[in-house]
């Protein structure tokens, strides 16, 4: 069961990376625009359809992974989405990954292997009593609300990006916990039990909230501030929720040392990859500006939201490559 959960989690990370890369590929081939017209134009592009399939597949793989294994195993493996997205997007955009990217990918993979090999997460329970759910919901939702207040406009951009990304990480972890419980209901009682479970509607609401928080984090500041908070925060809170709600276990004692080393290596790798993404986006912003200015869309060059006075930023949206929502202009 553990191996099956790990396989589904890796497939989910890869599927979400495919969705990110192909949607971005499709978006790069259309002129600027927004609303329904942009959505219709994208829907006629095979790359965009493949991207949507990747996102749907990722959700299914995550549900299958959570049914078969502990959150403490499944959620950290989704860190692999960032390396996967870069490796898939580079050839699609006819670019070569620099050496820094390969070092970052190696760091993420090696760090994950060290953390999970040392921690050896275990636990197959997928339901928890309301006595456990109530304080968890209060703590997570309270933390998300507090982050919104703390990261109000006017605070330093990097601070806002990190705080809002951390809040999104809490939302992602809570969503995974609710999804694990809801899919457990489905496995035991079918569609009827799934639709009657409050967790089903809970993970839908928290999932949307997490996406909105992430979009605000990406708008607030550089990816190098938001991505580490998002990555490490999701894995850490997922571990705590797994232990609190589902009685999951990890190895402690002297095993904490290699686990800490692994976490440090993951953070190092994610920071390096985030910087690579920022440079790629800056180059792509120049390409899109030339594309628009060349008569393929609007009448002249426009400022791309991927850059501002502080340097390269991620575009608005969700995902490690910062793809824009198709409904936005």
C-alpha atoms as a PDB file:
ATOM      1  CA  UNK A   1       0.000   0.000   0.000  1.00  0.00           C
ATOM      2  CA  UNK A   2       2.824   2.410   0.840  1.00  0.00           C
ATOM      3  CA  UNK A   3       4.561   1.767  -2.475  1.00  0.00           C
ATOM      4  CA  UNK A   4       1.277   2.216  -4.320  1.00  0.00           C
ATOM      5  CA  UNK A   5       0.646   5.507  -2.531  1.00  0.00           C
ATOM      6  CA  UNK A   6       4.146   6.731  -3.425  1.00  0.00           C
ATOM      7  CA  UNK A   7       3.644   5.730  -7.065  1.00  0.00           C
ATOM      8  CA  UNK A   8       0.324   7.564  -7.302  1.00  0.00           C
ATOM      9  CA  UNK A   9       1.822  10.644  -5.602  1.00  0.00           C
ATOM     10  CA  UNK A  10       4.721  10.804  -8.065  1.00  0.00           C
ATOM     11  CA  UNK A  11       2.291  10.317 -10.950  1.00  0.00           C
ATOM     12  CA  UNK A  12       0.154  13.120  -9.528  1.00  0.00           C
ATOM     13  CA  UNK A  13       3.132  15.469  -9.337  1.00  0.00           C
ATOM     14  CA  UNK A  14       4.122  14.591 -12.909  1.00  0.00           C
ATOM     15  CA  UNK A  15       0.538  15.002 -14.152  1.00  0.00           C
ATOM     16  CA  UNK A  16       0.201  18.420 -12.559  1.00  0.00           C
ATOM     17  CA  UNK A  17       3.535  19.419 -14.099  1.00  0.00           C
ATOM     18  CA  UNK A  18       2.231  18.351 -17.510  1.00  0.00           C
ATOM     19  CA  UNK A  19      -0.838  20.493 -16.917  1.00  0.00           C
ATOM     20  CA  UNK A  20       1.290  23.494 -15.976  1.00  0.00           C
ATOM     21  CA  UNK A  21       3.697  23.149 -18.896  1.00  0.00           C
ATOM     22  CA  UNK A  22       1.132  22.531 -21.640  1.00  0.00           C
ATOM     23  CA  UNK A  23      -1.251  25.256 -20.472  1.00  0.00           C
ATOM     24  CA  UNK A  24       1.644  27.688 -20.469  1.00  0.00           C
ATOM     25  CA  UNK A  25       2.673  26.499 -23.928  1.00  0.00           C
ATOM     26  CA  UNK A  26      -0.857  27.125 -25.216  1.00  0.00           C
ATOM     27  CA  UNK A  27      -1.059  30.552 -23.561  1.00  0.00           C
ATOM     28  CA  UNK A  28       2.218  31.616 -25.189  1.00  0.00           C
ATOM     29  CA  UNK A  29       0.731  31.113 -28.675  1.00  0.00           C
ATOM     30  CA  UNK A  30      -2.207  33.482 -28.326  1.00  0.00           C
ATOM     31  CA  UNK A  31      -2.360  37.248 -28.285  1.00  0.00           C
ATOM     32  CA  UNK A  32      -3.317  39.024 -25.128  1.00  0.00           C
ATOM     33  CA  UNK A  33      -6.973  38.980 -24.234  1.00  0.00           C
ATOM     34  CA  UNK A  34      -9.288  37.810 -21.549  1.00  0.00           C
ATOM     35  CA  UNK A  35     -12.644  36.450 -20.586  1.00  0.00           C
ATOM     36  CA  UNK A  36     -14.626  33.929 -22.572  1.00  0.00           C
ATOM     37  CA  UNK A  37     -12.945  34.738 -25.882  1.00  0.00           C
ATOM     38  CA  UNK A  38      -9.543  33.738 -24.561  1.00  0.00           C
ATOM     39  CA  UNK A  39     -10.963  30.552 -23.068  1.00  0.00           C
ATOM     40  CA  UNK A  40     -12.605  29.600 -26.384  1.00  0.00           C
ATOM     41  CA  UNK A  41      -9.400  30.316 -28.281  1.00  0.00           C
ATOM     42  CA  UNK A  42      -7.352  28.214 -25.884  1.00  0.00           C
ATOM     43  CA  UNK A  43      -9.871  25.360 -26.048  1.00  0.00           C
ATOM     44  CA  UNK A  44      -9.054  24.956 -29.746  1.00  0.00           C
ATOM     45  CA  UNK A  45      -5.413  24.295 -28.967  1.00  0.00           C
ATOM     46  CA  UNK A  46      -4.424  20.666 -28.315  1.00  0.00           C
ATOM     47  CA  UNK A  47      -1.730  21.764 -25.869  1.00  0.00           C
ATOM     48  CA  UNK A  48      -4.316  23.448 -23.644  1.00  0.00           C
ATOM     49  CA  UNK A  49      -6.584  20.395 -23.705  1.00  0.00           C
ATOM     50  CA  UNK A  50      -3.621  18.225 -22.712  1.00  0.00           C
ATOM     51  CA  UNK A  51      -2.883  20.679 -19.906  1.00  0.00           C
ATOM     52  CA  UNK A  52      -6.415  20.493 -18.517  1.00  0.00           C
ATOM     53  CA  UNK A  53      -6.193  16.697 -18.673  1.00  0.00           C
ATOM     54  CA  UNK A  54      -2.991  16.886 -16.660  1.00  0.00           C
ATOM     55  CA  UNK A  55      -4.654  18.936 -13.919  1.00  0.00           C
ATOM     56  CA  UNK A  56      -7.628  16.562 -13.713  1.00  0.00           C
ATOM     57  CA  UNK A  57      -5.293  13.568 -13.667  1.00  0.00           C
ATOM     58  CA  UNK A  58      -3.274  15.102 -10.845  1.00  0.00           C
ATOM     59  CA  UNK A  59      -6.385  15.432  -8.679  1.00  0.00           C
ATOM     60  CA  UNK A  60      -7.323  11.805  -9.303  1.00  0.00           C
ATOM     61  CA  UNK A  61      -3.811  10.552  -8.596  1.00  0.00           C
ATOM     62  CA  UNK A  62      -3.661  12.554  -5.369  1.00  0.00           C
ATOM     63  CA  UNK A  63      -6.949  11.051  -4.203  1.00  0.00           C
ATOM     64  CA  UNK A  64      -5.712   7.543  -5.005  1.00  0.00           C
ATOM     65  CA  UNK A  65      -2.434   8.209  -3.207  1.00  0.00           C
ATOM     66  CA  UNK A  66      -4.171   9.501  -0.070  1.00  0.00           C
ATOM     67  CA  UNK A  67      -6.487   6.494   0.024  1.00  0.00           C
ATOM     68  CA  UNK A  68      -3.531   4.114  -0.076  1.00  0.00           C
ATOM     69  CA  UNK A  69      -0.985   5.849   2.143  1.00  0.00           C
ATOM     70  CA  UNK A  70      -0.293   8.463   4.810  1.00  0.00           C
ATOM     71  CA  UNK A  71      -0.346  12.196   4.184  1.00  0.00           C
ATOM     72  CA  UNK A  72       3.179  12.391   5.577  1.00  0.00           C
ATOM     73  CA  UNK A  73       4.319  10.401   2.536  1.00  0.00           C
ATOM     74  CA  UNK A  74       2.003  11.682  -0.174  1.00  0.00           C
ATOM     75  CA  UNK A  75       2.173  15.457   0.273  1.00  0.00           C
ATOM     76  CA  UNK A  76       5.984  15.808   0.378  1.00  0.00           C
ATOM     77  CA  UNK A  77       6.233  13.873  -2.895  1.00  0.00           C
ATOM     78  CA  UNK A  78       4.239  16.605  -4.616  1.00  0.00           C
ATOM     79  CA  UNK A  79       7.354  18.774  -4.233  1.00  0.00           C
ATOM     80  CA  UNK A  80       8.500  16.922  -7.366  1.00  0.00           C
ATOM     81  CA  UNK A  81       5.995  18.949  -9.389  1.00  0.00           C
ATOM     82  CA  UNK A  82       8.467  21.846  -9.624  1.00  0.00           C
ATOM     83  CA  UNK A  83      11.335  19.781 -11.132  1.00  0.00           C
ATOM     84  CA  UNK A  84       8.915  17.925 -13.406  1.00  0.00           C
ATOM     85  CA  UNK A  85       7.403  21.199 -14.641  1.00  0.00           C
ATOM     86  CA  UNK A  86      10.800  22.627 -15.527  1.00  0.00           C
ATOM     87  CA  UNK A  87      11.943  19.479 -17.320  1.00  0.00           C
ATOM     88  CA  UNK A  88       8.714  19.333 -19.349  1.00  0.00           C
ATOM     89  CA  UNK A  89       8.382  23.066 -20.043  1.00  0.00           C
ATOM     90  CA  UNK A  90      11.964  23.586 -21.241  1.00  0.00           C
ATOM     91  CA  UNK A  91      11.685  21.504 -24.444  1.00  0.00           C
ATOM     92  CA  UNK A  92       8.139  22.760 -25.058  1.00  0.00           C
ATOM     93  CA  UNK A  93       9.410  26.344 -24.969  1.00  0.00           C
ATOM     94  CA  UNK A  94      12.500  25.337 -26.985  1.00  0.00           C
ATOM     95  CA  UNK A  95      14.846  26.150 -24.143  1.00  0.00           C
ATOM     96  CA  UNK A  96      17.662  24.302 -22.435  1.00  0.00           C
ATOM     97  CA  UNK A  97      17.791  23.973 -18.695  1.00  0.00           C
ATOM     98  CA  UNK A  98      20.898  25.627 -17.225  1.00  0.00           C
ATOM     99  CA  UNK A  99      23.254  23.743 -14.940  1.00  0.00           C
ATOM    100  CA  UNK A 100      21.734  25.523 -11.920  1.00  0.00           C
ATOM    101  CA  UNK A 101      18.386  23.897 -12.690  1.00  0.00           C
ATOM    102  CA  UNK A 102      19.874  20.406 -12.796  1.00  0.00           C
ATOM    103  CA  UNK A 103      21.650  21.026  -9.495  1.00  0.00           C
ATOM    104  CA  UNK A 104      18.347  22.184  -8.003  1.00  0.00           C
ATOM    105  CA  UNK A 105      16.499  19.139  -9.339  1.00  0.00           C
ATOM    106  CA  UNK A 106      19.157  16.864  -7.918  1.00  0.00           C
ATOM    107  CA  UNK A 107      18.906  18.602  -4.546  1.00  0.00           C
ATOM    108  CA  UNK A 108      15.116  18.227  -4.388  1.00  0.00           C
ATOM    109  CA  UNK A 109      15.202  14.537  -5.340  1.00  0.00           C
ATOM    110  CA  UNK A 110      18.081  13.654  -3.018  1.00  0.00           C
ATOM    111  CA  UNK A 111      16.566  15.647  -0.150  1.00  0.00           C
ATOM    112  CA  UNK A 112      13.188  13.962  -0.557  1.00  0.00           C
ATOM    113  CA  UNK A 113      14.793  10.525  -0.644  1.00  0.00           C
ATOM    114  CA  UNK A 114      16.717  11.291   2.550  1.00  0.00           C
ATOM    115  CA  UNK A 115      13.684  12.717   4.388  1.00  0.00           C
ATOM    116  CA  UNK A 116      11.238   9.980   3.453  1.00  0.00           C
ATOM    117  CA  UNK A 117      13.779   7.200   3.856  1.00  0.00           C
ATOM    118  CA  UNK A 118      14.652   8.440   7.342  1.00  0.00           C
ATOM    119  CA  UNK A 119      11.107   9.253   8.454  1.00  0.00           C
ATOM    120  CA  UNK A 120       9.498   6.075   7.046  1.00  0.00           C
ATOM    121  CA  UNK A 121       5.916   7.456   7.360  1.00  0.00           C
ATOM    122  CA  UNK A 122       3.255   4.897   8.238  1.00  0.00           C
ATOM    123  CA  UNK A 123      -0.465   4.833   8.945  1.00  0.00           C
ATOM    124  CA  UNK A 124      -3.544   3.766   6.990  1.00  0.00           C
ATOM    125  CA  UNK A 125      -6.409   5.358   8.966  1.00  0.00           C
ATOM    126  CA  UNK A 126      -8.470   7.749   6.833  1.00  0.00           C
ATOM    127  CA  UNK A 127     -11.134   8.943   9.294  1.00  0.00           C
ATOM    128  CA  UNK A 128     -11.024  11.075  12.429  1.00  0.00           C
ATOM    129  CA  UNK A 129     -13.599  12.025  15.036  1.00  0.00           C
ATOM    130  CA  UNK A 130     -15.043  15.531  15.282  1.00  0.00           C
ATOM    131  CA  UNK A 131     -13.190  15.892  18.570  1.00  0.00           C
ATOM    132  CA  UNK A 132     -10.025  15.956  16.460  1.00  0.00           C
ATOM    133  CA  UNK A 133     -11.415  17.818  13.472  1.00  0.00           C
ATOM    134  CA  UNK A 134     -12.750  20.850  15.367  1.00  0.00           C
ATOM    135  CA  UNK A 135      -9.408  22.068  16.811  1.00  0.00           C
ATOM    136  CA  UNK A 136      -7.632  21.283  13.532  1.00  0.00           C
ATOM    137  CA  UNK A 137     -10.133  23.304  11.517  1.00  0.00           C
ATOM    138  CA  UNK A 138      -9.983  26.162  14.009  1.00  0.00           C
ATOM    139  CA  UNK A 139      -6.182  26.232  13.973  1.00  0.00           C
ATOM    140  CA  UNK A 140      -5.782  25.991  10.195  1.00  0.00           C
ATOM    141  CA  UNK A 141      -8.541  28.400   9.230  1.00  0.00           C
ATOM    142  CA  UNK A 142      -7.433  30.769  11.974  1.00  0.00           C
ATOM    143  CA  UNK A 143      -3.849  30.708  10.694  1.00  0.00           C
ATOM    144  CA  UNK A 144      -5.014  31.413   7.147  1.00  0.00           C
ATOM    145  CA  UNK A 145      -7.152  34.339   8.289  1.00  0.00           C
ATOM    146  CA  UNK A 146      -4.354  35.728  10.456  1.00  0.00           C
ATOM    147  CA  UNK A 147      -1.950  35.565   7.504  1.00  0.00           C
ATOM    148  CA  UNK A 148      -4.323  37.651   5.394  1.00  0.00           C
ATOM    149  CA  UNK A 149      -4.442  40.291   8.127  1.00  0.00           C
ATOM    150  CA  UNK A 150      -0.687  40.270   8.744  1.00  0.00           C
ATOM    151  CA  UNK A 151       0.170  40.419   5.030  1.00  0.00           C
ATOM    152  CA  UNK A 152      -2.052  43.384   4.296  1.00  0.00           C
ATOM    153  CA  UNK A 153      -1.060  45.774   1.479  1.00  0.00           C
ATOM    154  CA  UNK A 154       1.684  48.141   2.506  1.00  0.00           C
ATOM    155  CA  UNK A 155       3.910  45.501   4.057  1.00  0.00           C
ATOM    156  CA  UNK A 156       7.232  44.637   2.320  1.00  0.00           C
ATOM    157  CA  UNK A 157       6.575  42.581  -0.839  1.00  0.00           C
ATOM    158  CA  UNK A 158       8.847  39.691   0.093  1.00  0.00           C
ATOM    159  CA  UNK A 159       7.246  39.467   3.531  1.00  0.00           C
ATOM    160  CA  UNK A 160       3.748  39.462   2.023  1.00  0.00           C
ATOM    161  CA  UNK A 161       4.710  36.807  -0.521  1.00  0.00           C
ATOM    162  CA  UNK A 162       6.176  34.495   2.109  1.00  0.00           C
ATOM    163  CA  UNK A 163       3.290  34.903   4.579  1.00  0.00           C
ATOM    164  CA  UNK A 164       0.556  34.435   1.983  1.00  0.00           C
ATOM    165  CA  UNK A 165       2.365  31.425   0.513  1.00  0.00           C
ATOM    166  CA  UNK A 166       2.628  29.907   3.981  1.00  0.00           C
ATOM    167  CA  UNK A 167      -1.118  30.443   4.410  1.00  0.00           C
ATOM    168  CA  UNK A 168      -1.709  28.758   1.058  1.00  0.00           C
ATOM    169  CA  UNK A 169       0.445  25.854   2.239  1.00  0.00           C
ATOM    170  CA  UNK A 170      -1.768  25.473   5.315  1.00  0.00           C
ATOM    171  CA  UNK A 171      -4.795  25.504   3.031  1.00  0.00           C
ATOM    172  CA  UNK A 172      -3.260  22.867   0.755  1.00  0.00           C
ATOM    173  CA  UNK A 173      -2.477  20.600   3.695  1.00  0.00           C
ATOM    174  CA  UNK A 174      -5.983  21.000   5.135  1.00  0.00           C
ATOM    175  CA  UNK A 175      -7.451  20.305   1.693  1.00  0.00           C
ATOM    176  CA  UNK A 176      -5.404  17.101   1.456  1.00  0.00           C
ATOM    177  CA  UNK A 177      -6.619  15.981   4.895  1.00  0.00           C
ATOM    178  CA  UNK A 178     -10.248  16.610   3.962  1.00  0.00           C
ATOM    179  CA  UNK A 179      -9.741  14.909   0.598  1.00  0.00           C
ATOM    180  CA  UNK A 180      -8.215  11.873   2.312  1.00  0.00           C
ATOM    181  CA  UNK A 181     -11.242  11.569   4.574  1.00  0.00           C
ATOM    182  CA  UNK A 182     -13.738  12.146   1.736  1.00  0.00           C
ATOM    183  CA  UNK A 183     -12.113   9.593  -0.566  1.00  0.00           C
ATOM    184  CA  UNK A 184     -12.069   7.161   2.339  1.00  0.00           C
ATOM    185  CA  UNK A 185     -15.838   7.595   2.589  1.00  0.00           C
ATOM    186  CA  UNK A 186     -16.116   6.959  -1.136  1.00  0.00           C
ATOM    187  CA  UNK A 187     -14.040   3.780  -0.910  1.00  0.00           C
ATOM    188  CA  UNK A 188     -16.209   2.485   1.927  1.00  0.00           C
ATOM    189  CA  UNK A 189     -19.704   3.587   0.868  1.00  0.00           C
ATOM    190  CA  UNK A 190     -19.597   4.700  -2.747  1.00  0.00           C
ATOM    191  CA  UNK A 191     -20.867   7.913  -4.315  1.00  0.00           C
ATOM    192  CA  UNK A 192     -23.713   8.329  -1.833  1.00  0.00           C
ATOM    193  CA  UNK A 193     -21.404   8.328   1.171  1.00  0.00           C
ATOM    194  CA  UNK A 194     -19.014  10.666  -0.645  1.00  0.00           C
ATOM    195  CA  UNK A 195     -21.730  13.226  -1.375  1.00  0.00           C
ATOM    196  CA  UNK A 196     -23.116  13.023   2.153  1.00  0.00           C
ATOM    197  CA  UNK A 197     -19.720  13.652   3.755  1.00  0.00           C
ATOM    198  CA  UNK A 198     -19.087  17.203   4.967  1.00  0.00           C
ATOM    199  CA  UNK A 199     -15.416  16.702   4.160  1.00  0.00           C
ATOM    200  CA  UNK A 200     -16.285  16.590   0.444  1.00  0.00           C
ATOM    201  CA  UNK A 201     -17.565  20.154   0.488  1.00  0.00           C
ATOM    202  CA  UNK A 202     -14.878  21.166   2.931  1.00  0.00           C
ATOM    203  CA  UNK A 203     -11.998  20.244   0.650  1.00  0.00           C
ATOM    204  CA  UNK A 204     -13.659  22.083  -2.253  1.00  0.00           C
ATOM    205  CA  UNK A 205     -13.896  25.302  -0.223  1.00  0.00           C
ATOM    206  CA  UNK A 206     -10.433  25.087   1.318  1.00  0.00           C
ATOM    207  CA  UNK A 207      -8.939  24.192  -2.060  1.00  0.00           C
ATOM    208  CA  UNK A 208     -10.354  27.330  -3.649  1.00  0.00           C
ATOM    209  CA  UNK A 209      -9.163  29.412  -0.680  1.00  0.00           C
ATOM    210  CA  UNK A 210      -5.656  27.988  -0.992  1.00  0.00           C
ATOM    211  CA  UNK A 211      -5.562  28.877  -4.702  1.00  0.00           C
ATOM    212  CA  UNK A 212      -6.673  32.448  -4.024  1.00  0.00           C
ATOM    213  CA  UNK A 213      -4.042  32.841  -1.321  1.00  0.00           C
ATOM    214  CA  UNK A 214      -1.374  31.514  -3.666  1.00  0.00           C
ATOM    215  CA  UNK A 215      -2.407  33.913  -6.433  1.00  0.00           C
ATOM    216  CA  UNK A 216      -2.069  36.824  -4.004  1.00  0.00           C
ATOM    217  CA  UNK A 217       1.313  35.511  -2.859  1.00  0.00           C
ATOM    218  CA  UNK A 218       2.546  35.328  -6.449  1.00  0.00           C
ATOM    219  CA  UNK A 219       1.348  38.865  -7.119  1.00  0.00           C
ATOM    220  CA  UNK A 220       2.942  40.199  -3.934  1.00  0.00           C
ATOM    221  CA  UNK A 221       6.575  39.328  -4.588  1.00  0.00           C
ATOM    222  CA  UNK A 222       9.222  37.125  -6.111  1.00  0.00           C
ATOM    223  CA  UNK A 223       8.801  33.389  -6.489  1.00  0.00           C
ATOM    224  CA  UNK A 224      11.976  32.879  -4.440  1.00  0.00           C
ATOM    225  CA  UNK A 225      10.049  34.186  -1.423  1.00  0.00           C
ATOM    226  CA  UNK A 226       6.788  32.303  -1.953  1.00  0.00           C
ATOM    227  CA  UNK A 227       7.877  28.906  -3.314  1.00  0.00           C
ATOM    228  CA  UNK A 228      10.014  27.748  -0.338  1.00  0.00           C
ATOM    229  CA  UNK A 229       7.278  28.794   2.115  1.00  0.00           C
ATOM    230  CA  UNK A 230       4.696  26.961   0.031  1.00  0.00           C
ATOM    231  CA  UNK A 231       6.778  23.812  -0.435  1.00  0.00           C
ATOM    232  CA  UNK A 232       8.070  23.349   3.090  1.00  0.00           C
ATOM    233  CA  UNK A 233       4.881  24.638   4.686  1.00  0.00           C
ATOM    234  CA  UNK A 234       2.671  22.148   2.856  1.00  0.00           C
ATOM    235  CA  UNK A 235       4.859  19.176   3.782  1.00  0.00           C
ATOM    236  CA  UNK A 236       5.257  20.279   7.412  1.00  0.00           C
ATOM    237  CA  UNK A 237       1.574  20.994   8.061  1.00  0.00           C
ATOM    238  CA  UNK A 238       0.583  17.787   6.249  1.00  0.00           C
ATOM    239  CA  UNK A 239       2.863  15.850   8.574  1.00  0.00           C
ATOM    240  CA  UNK A 240       1.302  17.488  11.646  1.00  0.00           C
ATOM    241  CA  UNK A 241      -2.235  16.890  10.379  1.00  0.00           C
ATOM    242  CA  UNK A 242      -1.445  13.286   9.563  1.00  0.00           C
ATOM    243  CA  UNK A 243      -0.204  12.709  13.103  1.00  0.00           C
ATOM    244  CA  UNK A 244      -3.035  14.675  14.750  1.00  0.00           C
ATOM    245  CA  UNK A 245      -5.956  13.376  12.712  1.00  0.00           C
ATOM    246  CA  UNK A 246      -4.980   9.979  11.367  1.00  0.00           C
ATOM    247  CA  UNK A 247      -2.454   8.667  13.902  1.00  0.00           C
ATOM    248  CA  UNK A 248       0.345   8.583  11.346  1.00  0.00           C
ATOM    249  CA  UNK A 249       3.855   7.875  12.599  1.00  0.00           C
ATOM    250  CA  UNK A 250       7.397   8.809  11.599  1.00  0.00           C
ATOM    251  CA  UNK A 251      10.723   7.742  13.052  1.00  0.00           C
ATOM    252  CA  UNK A 252      12.218  10.096  15.646  1.00  0.00           C
ATOM    253  CA  UNK A 253      15.290   9.954  17.862  1.00  0.00           C
ATOM    254  CA  UNK A 254      18.557  10.101  15.964  1.00  0.00           C
ATOM    255  CA  UNK A 255      16.566   9.822  12.702  1.00  0.00           C
ATOM    256  CA  UNK A 256      15.682  13.485  13.168  1.00  0.00           C
ATOM    257  CA  UNK A 257      19.224  14.444  12.115  1.00  0.00           C
ATOM    258  CA  UNK A 258      19.110  13.024   8.569  1.00  0.00           C
ATOM    259  CA  UNK A 259      15.527  14.244   8.269  1.00  0.00           C
ATOM    260  CA  UNK A 260      16.672  17.800   9.060  1.00  0.00           C
ATOM    261  CA  UNK A 261      19.539  17.512   6.578  1.00  0.00           C
ATOM    262  CA  UNK A 262      17.105  16.316   3.919  1.00  0.00           C
ATOM    263  CA  UNK A 263      14.773  19.242   4.560  1.00  0.00           C
ATOM    264  CA  UNK A 264      17.689  21.679   4.230  1.00  0.00           C
ATOM    265  CA  UNK A 265      18.710  20.116   0.904  1.00  0.00           C
ATOM    266  CA  UNK A 266      15.118  20.365  -0.385  1.00  0.00           C
ATOM    267  CA  UNK A 267      14.937  24.053   0.574  1.00  0.00           C
ATOM    268  CA  UNK A 268      18.251  24.686  -1.184  1.00  0.00           C
ATOM    269  CA  UNK A 269      17.031  22.915  -4.322  1.00  0.00           C
ATOM    270  CA  UNK A 270      13.665  24.704  -4.357  1.00  0.00           C
ATOM    271  CA  UNK A 271      15.326  28.119  -3.972  1.00  0.00           C
ATOM    272  CA  UNK A 272      17.656  27.389  -6.896  1.00  0.00           C
ATOM    273  CA  UNK A 273      14.785  26.181  -9.068  1.00  0.00           C
ATOM    274  CA  UNK A 274      12.689  29.218  -8.138  1.00  0.00           C
ATOM    275  CA  UNK A 275      15.476  31.490  -9.354  1.00  0.00           C
ATOM    276  CA  UNK A 276      15.671  29.561 -12.616  1.00  0.00           C
ATOM    277  CA  UNK A 277      11.911  29.949 -13.099  1.00  0.00           C
ATOM    278  CA  UNK A 278      12.179  33.699 -12.510  1.00  0.00           C
ATOM    279  CA  UNK A 279      14.897  34.011 -15.174  1.00  0.00           C
ATOM    280  CA  UNK A 280      12.891  31.922 -17.641  1.00  0.00           C
ATOM    281  CA  UNK A 281       9.835  34.086 -17.053  1.00  0.00           C
ATOM    282  CA  UNK A 282      11.843  37.270 -17.590  1.00  0.00           C
ATOM    283  CA  UNK A 283      13.080  35.924 -20.932  1.00  0.00           C
ATOM    284  CA  UNK A 284       9.573  34.811 -21.877  1.00  0.00           C
ATOM    285  CA  UNK A 285       8.217  38.258 -20.977  1.00  0.00           C
ATOM    286  CA  UNK A 286      10.603  39.793 -23.509  1.00  0.00           C
ATOM    287  CA  UNK A 287       9.488  37.234 -26.110  1.00  0.00           C
ATOM    288  CA  UNK A 288       5.790  37.917 -25.500  1.00  0.00           C
ATOM    289  CA  UNK A 289       6.360  41.674 -25.668  1.00  0.00           C
ATOM    290  CA  UNK A 290       8.064  41.263 -29.033  1.00  0.00           C
ATOM    291  CA  UNK A 291       5.248  38.933 -30.162  1.00  0.00           C
ATOM    292  CA  UNK A 292       2.572  41.473 -29.247  1.00  0.00           C
ATOM    293  CA  UNK A 293       4.504  44.416 -30.647  1.00  0.00           C
ATOM    294  CA  UNK A 294       5.002  42.573 -33.945  1.00  0.00           C
ATOM    295  CA  UNK A 295       1.350  42.837 -34.890  1.00  0.00           C
ATOM    296  CA  UNK A 296       0.078  39.520 -33.562  1.00  0.00           C
ATOM    297  CA  UNK A 297      -2.276  41.022 -31.071  1.00  0.00           C
ATOM    298  CA  UNK A 298      -2.577  44.525 -29.656  1.00  0.00           C
ATOM    299  CA  UNK A 299      -1.206  47.549 -31.434  1.00  0.00           C
ATOM    300  CA  UNK A 300       1.990  47.907 -29.471  1.00  0.00           C
ATOM    301  CA  UNK A 301       4.189  46.615 -26.700  1.00  0.00           C
ATOM    302  CA  UNK A 302       2.651  46.248 -23.291  1.00  0.00           C
ATOM    303  CA  UNK A 303       4.161  45.730 -19.895  1.00  0.00           C
ATOM    304  CA  UNK A 304       4.101  42.057 -18.957  1.00  0.00           C
ATOM    305  CA  UNK A 305       2.968  41.262 -15.460  1.00  0.00           C
ATOM    306  CA  UNK A 306       5.908  38.880 -15.205  1.00  0.00           C
ATOM    307  CA  UNK A 307       8.247  41.797 -14.460  1.00  0.00           C
ATOM    308  CA  UNK A 308       8.143  44.882 -12.341  1.00  0.00           C
ATOM    309  CA  UNK A 309      10.492  47.392 -10.813  1.00  0.00           C
ATOM    310  CA  UNK A 310      11.917  44.806  -8.451  1.00  0.00           C
ATOM    311  CA  UNK A 311      12.927  42.441 -11.260  1.00  0.00           C
ATOM    312  CA  UNK A 312      11.477  39.200 -12.605  1.00  0.00           C
ATOM    313  CA  UNK A 313       8.349  37.930 -10.913  1.00  0.00           C
ATOM    314  CA  UNK A 314       6.054  35.051 -11.517  1.00  0.00           C
ATOM    315  CA  UNK A 315       2.879  35.698 -13.455  1.00  0.00           C
ATOM    316  CA  UNK A 316      -0.501  35.620 -11.804  1.00  0.00           C
ATOM    317  CA  UNK A 317      -1.905  32.154 -11.350  1.00  0.00           C
ATOM    318  CA  UNK A 318      -1.169  28.825  -9.830  1.00  0.00           C
ATOM    319  CA  UNK A 319       1.636  26.376 -10.341  1.00  0.00           C
ATOM    320  CA  UNK A 320       5.407  26.334 -10.178  1.00  0.00           C
ATOM    321  CA  UNK A 321       5.738  28.066 -13.540  1.00  0.00           C
ATOM    322  CA  UNK A 322       3.245  30.725 -12.432  1.00  0.00           C
ATOM    323  CA  UNK A 323       0.789  30.171 -15.263  1.00  0.00           C
ATOM    324  CA  UNK A 324      -2.037  32.642 -15.615  1.00  0.00           C
ATOM    325  CA  UNK A 325      -5.625  31.701 -15.125  1.00  0.00           C
ATOM    326  CA  UNK A 326      -7.296  31.317 -18.512  1.00  0.00           C
ATOM    327  CA  UNK A 327     -10.088  33.620 -17.464  1.00  0.00           C
ATOM    328  CA  UNK A 328      -7.768  36.534 -16.816  1.00  0.00           C
ATOM    329  CA  UNK A 329      -6.457  39.047 -19.261  1.00  0.00           C
END
